[in-house]
C-alpha atoms as a PDB file:
ATOM      1  CA  MET A   1     105.403  93.087  73.631  1.00  0.00           C
ATOM      2  CA  LEU A   2     101.725  94.501  73.466  1.00  0.00           C
ATOM      3  CA  THR A   3      99.416  93.380  76.319  1.00  0.00           C
ATOM      4  CA  VAL A   4      95.703  94.155  76.553  1.00  0.00           C
ATOM      5  CA  HIS A   5      94.164  94.390  80.041  1.00  0.00           C
ATOM      6  CA  ALA A   6      90.529  94.082  79.660  1.00  0.00           C
ATOM      7  CA  ALA A   7      87.640  94.492  82.324  1.00  0.00           C
ATOM      8  CA  PRO A   8      83.967  95.139  82.503  1.00  0.00           C
ATOM      9  CA  LEU A   9      84.713  98.744  83.433  1.00  0.00           C
ATOM     10  CA  VAL A  10      87.754 101.008  82.908  1.00  0.00           C
ATOM     11  CA  LEU A  11      88.036 104.182  85.042  1.00  0.00           C
ATOM     12  CA  PRO A  12      90.578 106.345  83.389  1.00  0.00           C
ATOM     13  CA  VAL A  13      89.901 109.309  85.955  1.00  0.00           C
ATOM     14  CA  GLY A  14      89.347 112.677  84.257  1.00  0.00           C
ATOM     15  CA  ALA A  15      87.463 111.046  81.383  1.00  0.00           C
ATOM     16  CA  ALA A  16      84.258 108.965  81.008  1.00  0.00           C
ATOM     17  CA  ALA A  17      84.287 105.369  82.169  1.00  0.00           C
ATOM     18  CA  VAL A  18      84.688 102.792  79.496  1.00  0.00           C
ATOM     19  CA  ALA A  19      82.250  99.815  79.850  1.00  0.00           C
ATOM     20  CA  GLN A  20      83.667  96.540  78.532  1.00  0.00           C
ATOM     21  CA  GLY A  21      86.860  98.525  78.152  1.00  0.00           C
ATOM     22  CA  ALA A  22      90.674  97.816  77.807  1.00  0.00           C
ATOM     23  CA  VAL A  23      94.063  99.376  78.208  1.00  0.00           C
ATOM     24  CA  VAL A  24      96.846  98.236  75.768  1.00  0.00           C
ATOM     25  CA  VAL A  25     100.424  98.399  77.237  1.00  0.00           C
ATOM     26  CA  GLU A  26     103.683  98.181  75.391  1.00  0.00           C
ATOM     27  CA  GLY A  27     106.884  98.280  77.390  1.00  0.00           C
ATOM     28  CA  ASP A  28     106.282 100.724  80.299  1.00  0.00           C
ATOM     29  CA  ARG A  29     103.677 102.873  78.313  1.00  0.00           C
ATOM     30  CA  ILE A  30      99.923 102.910  77.564  1.00  0.00           C
ATOM     31  CA  VAL A  31      99.542 102.801  73.813  1.00  0.00           C
ATOM     32  CA  ALA A  32      95.752 102.642  73.635  1.00  0.00           C
ATOM     33  CA  LEU A  33      92.674 102.899  75.713  1.00  0.00           C
ATOM     34  CA  GLY A  34      88.904 102.231  74.766  1.00  0.00           C
ATOM     35  CA  PRO A  35      86.151  99.710  74.167  1.00  0.00           C
ATOM     36  CA  TYR A  36      87.545  96.097  74.142  1.00  0.00           C
ATOM     37  CA  ASP A  37      86.301  95.240  70.772  1.00  0.00           C
ATOM     38  CA  GLU A  38      87.996  98.201  69.194  1.00  0.00           C
ATOM     39  CA  VAL A  39      91.151  97.818  70.973  1.00  0.00           C
ATOM     40  CA  VAL A  40      91.519  94.206  70.205  1.00  0.00           C
ATOM     41  CA  ALA A  41      90.630  94.850  66.457  1.00  0.00           C
ATOM     42  CA  ALA A  42      93.477  97.338  66.259  1.00  0.00           C
ATOM     43  CA  HIS A  43      95.936  95.163  68.117  1.00  0.00           C
ATOM     44  CA  PRO A  44      95.228  91.501  66.932  1.00  0.00           C
ATOM     45  CA  SER A  45      98.509  90.097  68.064  1.00  0.00           C
ATOM     46  CA  ALA A  46      98.453  91.349  71.541  1.00  0.00           C
ATOM     47  CA  ARG A  47      98.348  89.043  74.495  1.00  0.00           C
ATOM     48  CA  VAL A  48      94.943  89.677  76.383  1.00  0.00           C
ATOM     49  CA  ARG A  49      94.591  89.555  80.225  1.00  0.00           C
ATOM     50  CA  THR A  50      90.821  89.625  81.254  1.00  0.00           C
ATOM     51  CA  TRP A  51      90.087  90.860  84.819  1.00  0.00           C
ATOM     52  CA  PRO A  52      86.958  91.039  86.909  1.00  0.00           C
ATOM     53  CA  GLY A  53      85.556  94.329  88.132  1.00  0.00           C
ATOM     54  CA  VAL A  54      87.384  97.722  87.295  1.00  0.00           C
ATOM     55  CA  ILE A  55      90.703  98.849  85.975  1.00  0.00           C
ATOM     56  CA  THR A  56      92.005 102.210  87.504  1.00  0.00           C
ATOM     57  CA  PRO A  57      95.290 103.956  87.575  1.00  0.00           C
ATOM     58  CA  GLY A  58      97.704 102.915  90.281  1.00  0.00           C
ATOM     59  CA  LEU A  59      96.886 104.334  93.778  1.00  0.00           C
ATOM     60  CA  ARG A  60      99.075 106.858  95.793  1.00  0.00           C
ATOM     61  CA  GLN A  61     100.013 105.848  99.411  1.00  0.00           C
ATOM     62  CA  TRP A  62     100.308 109.071 101.360  1.00  0.00           C
ATOM     63  CA  HIS A  63     101.756 107.463 104.437  1.00  0.00           C
ATOM     64  CA  GLY A  64     104.643 105.713 103.127  1.00  0.00           C
ATOM     65  CA  LEU A  65     107.064 107.230 105.636  1.00  0.00           C
ATOM     66  CA  TRP A  66     105.075 105.935 108.420  1.00  0.00           C
ATOM     67  CA  LEU A  67     104.459 102.522 106.962  1.00  0.00           C
ATOM     68  CA  LEU A  68     107.986 101.795 105.982  1.00  0.00           C
ATOM     69  CA  THR A  69     109.882 103.362 108.935  1.00  0.00           C
ATOM     70  CA  ARG A  70     107.560 103.641 111.829  1.00  0.00           C
ATOM     71  CA  CYS A  71     105.605 100.426 111.484  1.00  0.00           C
ATOM     72  CA  TYR A  72     106.777  96.776 111.628  1.00  0.00           C
ATOM     73  CA  HIS A  73     105.331  94.366 109.119  1.00  0.00           C
ATOM     74  CA  PRO A  74     105.405  90.914 110.645  1.00  0.00           C
ATOM     75  CA  ASP A  75     107.025  87.911 108.955  1.00  0.00           C
ATOM     76  CA  PRO A  76     104.424  85.221 108.307  1.00  0.00           C
ATOM     77  CA  ARG A  77     106.378  82.949 110.628  1.00  0.00           C
ATOM     78  CA  GLU A  78     105.675  85.545 113.315  1.00  0.00           C
ATOM     79  CA  ALA A  79     101.919  85.489 112.880  1.00  0.00           C
ATOM     80  CA  ASP A  80     101.224  83.367 115.903  1.00  0.00           C
ATOM     81  CA  ALA A  81     103.050  85.886 118.159  1.00  0.00           C
ATOM     82  CA  LEU A  82     102.558  89.154 116.340  1.00  0.00           C
ATOM     83  CA  GLY A  83      99.478  88.695 114.013  1.00  0.00           C
ATOM     84  CA  ASP A  84      99.580  89.787 110.347  1.00  0.00           C
ATOM     85  CA  GLN A  85      98.879  93.410 110.537  1.00  0.00           C
ATOM     86  CA  PRO A  86     101.327  96.288 110.557  1.00  0.00           C
ATOM     87  CA  LEU A  87     102.453  97.099 114.201  1.00  0.00           C
ATOM     88  CA  TRP A  88     102.868 100.636 115.171  1.00  0.00           C
ATOM     89  CA  GLY A  89     102.897 103.002 118.034  1.00  0.00           C
ATOM     90  CA  GLU A  90     103.752 101.327 121.386  1.00  0.00           C
ATOM     91  CA  GLU A  91     103.996  97.918 119.809  1.00  0.00           C
ATOM     92  CA  PHE A  92     106.473  99.168 117.315  1.00  0.00           C
ATOM     93  CA  GLU A  93     108.447 100.875 119.976  1.00  0.00           C
ATOM     94  CA  ARG A  94     108.685  97.744 122.017  1.00  0.00           C
ATOM     95  CA  LEU A  95     110.219  95.931 119.008  1.00  0.00           C
ATOM     96  CA  ALA A  96     112.475  98.626 117.785  1.00  0.00           C
ATOM     97  CA  PRO A  97     115.334  98.343 120.108  1.00  0.00           C
ATOM     98  CA  GLY A  98     115.973  94.642 119.341  1.00  0.00           C
ATOM     99  CA  MET A  99     115.433  95.020 115.613  1.00  0.00           C
ATOM    100  CA  ASP A 100     118.663  94.374 113.704  1.00  0.00           C
ATOM    101  CA  ALA A 101     119.246  95.666 110.052  1.00  0.00           C
ATOM    102  CA  THR A 102     118.094  92.356 108.617  1.00  0.00           C
ATOM    103  CA  ARG A 103     114.899  92.244 110.397  1.00  0.00           C
ATOM    104  CA  ARG A 104     114.228  95.772 109.594  1.00  0.00           C
ATOM    105  CA  ALA A 105     115.020  95.200 105.971  1.00  0.00           C
ATOM    106  CA  GLY A 106     112.442  92.461 105.854  1.00  0.00           C
ATOM    107  CA  SER A 107     109.783  94.518 107.374  1.00  0.00           C
ATOM    108  CA  VAL A 108     110.444  97.229 104.684  1.00  0.00           C
ATOM    109  CA  ARG A 109     110.254  94.711 101.874  1.00  0.00           C
ATOM    110  CA  ARG A 110     107.217  93.112 103.339  1.00  0.00           C
ATOM    111  CA  GLY A 111     105.478  96.636 103.633  1.00  0.00           C
ATOM    112  CA  LEU A 112     106.147  97.355 100.011  1.00  0.00           C
ATOM    113  CA  GLN A 113     104.798  93.977  98.957  1.00  0.00           C
ATOM    114  CA  GLN A 114     101.640  94.811 100.901  1.00  0.00           C
ATOM    115  CA  MET A 115     101.257  98.135  99.219  1.00  0.00           C
ATOM    116  CA  LEU A 116     101.432  96.362  95.731  1.00  0.00           C
ATOM    117  CA  ARG A 117      98.643  94.077  97.096  1.00  0.00           C
ATOM    118  CA  HIS A 118      96.585  97.183  97.605  1.00  0.00           C
ATOM    119  CA  GLY A 119      97.038  98.644  94.054  1.00  0.00           C
ATOM    120  CA  THR A 120      99.602 101.074  95.116  1.00  0.00           C
ATOM    121  CA  THR A 121     102.083 102.294  92.487  1.00  0.00           C
ATOM    122  CA  HIS A 122     103.182 105.597  94.007  1.00  0.00           C
ATOM    123  CA  VAL A 123     104.588 106.346  97.643  1.00  0.00           C
ATOM    124  CA  ALA A 124     104.707 109.776  99.175  1.00  0.00           C
ATOM    125  CA  GLY A 125     107.672 110.822 101.160  1.00  0.00           C
ATOM    126  CA  ARG A 126     111.305 111.475 101.185  1.00  0.00           C
ATOM    127  CA  PHE A 127     113.258 108.467 102.269  1.00  0.00           C
ATOM    128  CA  HIS A 128     116.718 109.267 103.371  1.00  0.00           C
ATOM    129  CA  ASP A 129     117.654 105.763 104.919  1.00  0.00           C
ATOM    130  CA  PRO A 130     119.717 103.908 102.304  1.00  0.00           C
ATOM    131  CA  ALA A 131     118.163 100.514 103.277  1.00  0.00           C
ATOM    132  CA  VAL A 132     114.596 101.959 102.620  1.00  0.00           C
ATOM    133  CA  ARG A 133     115.560 103.783  99.432  1.00  0.00           C
ATOM    134  CA  ASN A 134     117.203 100.650  97.996  1.00  0.00           C
ATOM    135  CA  ALA A 135     114.148  98.456  98.805  1.00  0.00           C
ATOM    136  CA  LEU A 136     111.911 101.149  97.274  1.00  0.00           C
ATOM    137  CA  ALA A 137     114.031 101.244  94.028  1.00  0.00           C
ATOM    138  CA  ARG A 138     114.056  97.461  93.732  1.00  0.00           C
ATOM    139  CA  SER A 139     110.202  97.262  94.220  1.00  0.00           C
ATOM    140  CA  GLY A 140     109.625  99.605  91.273  1.00  0.00           C
ATOM    141  CA  LEU A 141     107.177 101.738  93.196  1.00  0.00           C
ATOM    142  CA  THR A 142     107.567 105.479  92.300  1.00  0.00           C
ATOM    143  CA  GLU A 143     108.501 107.980  95.095  1.00  0.00           C
ATOM    144  CA  VAL A 144     106.596 111.123  94.887  1.00  0.00           C
ATOM    145  CA  SER A 145     106.291 114.309  97.048  1.00  0.00           C
ATOM    146  CA  ALA A 146     104.337 114.267 100.266  1.00  0.00           C
ATOM    147  CA  VAL A 147     103.336 117.892 100.021  1.00  0.00           C
ATOM    148  CA  GLY A 148      99.611 118.215 100.602  1.00  0.00           C
ATOM    149  CA  ALA A 149      99.439 114.875 102.431  1.00  0.00           C
ATOM    150  CA  PRO A 150      96.546 114.528 104.892  1.00  0.00           C
ATOM    151  CA  GLY A 151      97.028 113.614 108.614  1.00  0.00           C
ATOM    152  CA  ILE A 152      96.896 109.977 109.882  1.00  0.00           C
ATOM    153  CA  LEU A 153      93.406 109.008 109.825  1.00  0.00           C
ATOM    154  CA  ALA A 154      92.315 108.408 113.414  1.00  0.00           C
ATOM    155  CA  GLY A 155      95.937 108.230 114.345  1.00  0.00           C
ATOM    156  CA  VAL A 156      96.410 104.883 112.457  1.00  0.00           C
ATOM    157  CA  PRO A 157      98.283 104.523 109.220  1.00  0.00           C
ATOM    158  CA  SER A 158      96.651 102.201 106.783  1.00  0.00           C
ATOM    159  CA  LEU A 159      97.890 100.191 103.890  1.00  0.00           C
ATOM    160  CA  ASP A 160      94.510 101.107 102.081  1.00  0.00           C
ATOM    161  CA  PRO A 161      94.741 104.383 100.517  1.00  0.00           C
ATOM    162  CA  PHE A 162      90.876 104.708 100.445  1.00  0.00           C
ATOM    163  CA  MET A 163      90.870 104.877 104.247  1.00  0.00           C
ATOM    164  CA  GLU A 164      91.445 108.510 104.136  1.00  0.00           C
ATOM    165  CA  GLY A 165      87.875 108.876 102.649  1.00  0.00           C
ATOM    166  CA  TYR A 166      88.979 110.196  99.227  1.00  0.00           C
ATOM    167  CA  ASP A 167      87.122 109.530  95.983  1.00  0.00           C
ATOM    168  CA  LEU A 168      89.022 107.844  93.266  1.00  0.00           C
ATOM    169  CA  PRO A 169      90.517 111.003  91.687  1.00  0.00           C
ATOM    170  CA  GLY A 170      91.763 111.915  95.142  1.00  0.00           C
ATOM    171  CA  THR A 171      93.367 108.495  95.709  1.00  0.00           C
ATOM    172  CA  VAL A 172      95.024 107.879  92.448  1.00  0.00           C
ATOM    173  CA  HIS A 173      98.315 109.581  91.469  1.00  0.00           C
ATOM    174  CA  GLY A 174      97.191 110.561  87.996  1.00  0.00           C
ATOM    175  CA  PRO A 175      94.744 109.533  85.195  1.00  0.00           C
ATOM    176  CA  LEU A 176      95.298 106.750  82.662  1.00  0.00           C
ATOM    177  CA  VAL A 177      96.296 108.422  79.425  1.00  0.00           C
ATOM    178  CA  VAL A 178      97.815 107.277  76.140  1.00  0.00           C
ATOM    179  CA  GLY A 179     101.549 107.814  76.245  1.00  0.00           C
ATOM    180  CA  GLY A 180     101.496 107.744  80.064  1.00  0.00           C
ATOM    181  CA  ARG A 181     103.382 105.333  82.200  1.00  0.00           C
ATOM    182  CA  ALA A 182     101.418 102.062  82.511  1.00  0.00           C
ATOM    183  CA  ASP A 183     100.823 101.938  86.227  1.00  0.00           C
ATOM    184  CA  LEU A 184      97.440 100.192  86.722  1.00  0.00           C
ATOM    185  CA  ALA A 185      95.370  98.542  89.426  1.00  0.00           C
ATOM    186  CA  VAL A 186      92.495  96.189  88.990  1.00  0.00           C
ATOM    187  CA  PHE A 187      89.813  95.799  91.752  1.00  0.00           C
ATOM    188  CA  ASP A 188      87.076  93.110  91.971  1.00  0.00           C
ATOM    189  CA  VAL A 189      84.188  95.662  92.544  1.00  0.00           C
ATOM    190  CA  PRO A 190      81.325  96.585  90.094  1.00  0.00           C
ATOM    191  CA  ASP A 191      81.973 100.296  90.063  1.00  0.00           C
ATOM    192  CA  GLU A 192      83.676 103.312  91.377  1.00  0.00           C
ATOM    193  CA  ALA A 193      81.291 103.733  94.283  1.00  0.00           C
ATOM    194  CA  ALA A 194      81.741 100.136  95.448  1.00  0.00           C
ATOM    195  CA  LEU A 195      85.447 100.600  95.275  1.00  0.00           C
ATOM    196  CA  CYS A 196      85.493 103.657  97.433  1.00  0.00           C
ATOM    197  CA  ALA A 197      83.177 101.999  99.783  1.00  0.00           C
ATOM    198  CA  VAL A 198      85.008  98.688 100.290  1.00  0.00           C
ATOM    199  CA  GLY A 199      88.547 100.002  99.722  1.00  0.00           C
ATOM    200  CA  ALA A 200      91.715  98.643  98.107  1.00  0.00           C
ATOM    201  CA  GLY A 201      91.744  95.270  99.916  1.00  0.00           C
ATOM    202  CA  ARG A 202      89.660  94.021  96.849  1.00  0.00           C
ATOM    203  CA  CYS A 203      92.785  94.482  94.518  1.00  0.00           C
ATOM    204  CA  VAL A 204      93.259  91.477  92.295  1.00  0.00           C
ATOM    205  CA  ALA A 205      96.179  92.774  90.209  1.00  0.00           C
ATOM    206  CA  THR A 206      98.785  95.539  90.156  1.00  0.00           C
ATOM    207  CA  VAL A 207     100.669  96.581  87.013  1.00  0.00           C
ATOM    208  CA  LEU A 208     103.831  98.666  87.707  1.00  0.00           C
ATOM    209  CA  GLY A 209     105.494 100.266  84.557  1.00  0.00           C
ATOM    210  CA  GLY A 210     103.831  97.706  82.399  1.00  0.00           C
ATOM    211  CA  ARG A 211     104.912  94.708  84.530  1.00  0.00           C
ATOM    212  CA  LEU A 212     102.341  92.638  86.297  1.00  0.00           C
ATOM    213  CA  VAL A 213     103.861  92.725  89.836  1.00  0.00           C
ATOM    214  CA  TYR A 214     100.984  91.466  91.857  1.00  0.00           C
ATOM    215  CA  ARG A 215      98.099  88.894  91.006  1.00  0.00           C
ATOM    216  CA  ARG A 216      95.825  87.566  93.432  1.00  0.00           C
ATOM    217  CA  ARG A 217      95.891  83.821  93.541  1.00  0.00           C
END
């Protein structure tokens, strides 16, 4: 089924931004990219999803190994006691001895869900733990090499890939191209500069291999 993802601005990366642009997805592939009016005219039967802000390629999370194996992502039912942010360092070490396989698996699953909520489609690292590998495979996120990864920003791993201070080309895994895999992120910001300034917390949708896997309610 053809789906058109349209927004005030499409940022393909490596090519000029497209004002009032759209990306056409069929299966797990991008089949067209360009001005909305032209795209819709060429694909009149496609389902149209209209988003605020900008469409970009999916983001790459450099610190997947830390976030999934050295952080604890609290269950919402634990919020009163543990808060709602990832726990790492001494806080993680205090929890680790009493963490059984079920609780640890839940943390990994919630960590992956939070990555999707930040527009992430690619996770850097080599995950040898079967439980983590299985959860990663089920999530649909793509595992990529961590070669060239930066250090932890101020010692704190972040779910927001922009926290490393990269521009958009340095934060996405690759550009949006016709024929490429349909990994997209949508952010409710006016332009690229605003996105880099406020970060991935403004994500409103994540499309992974052509599937809408996160949509802000």
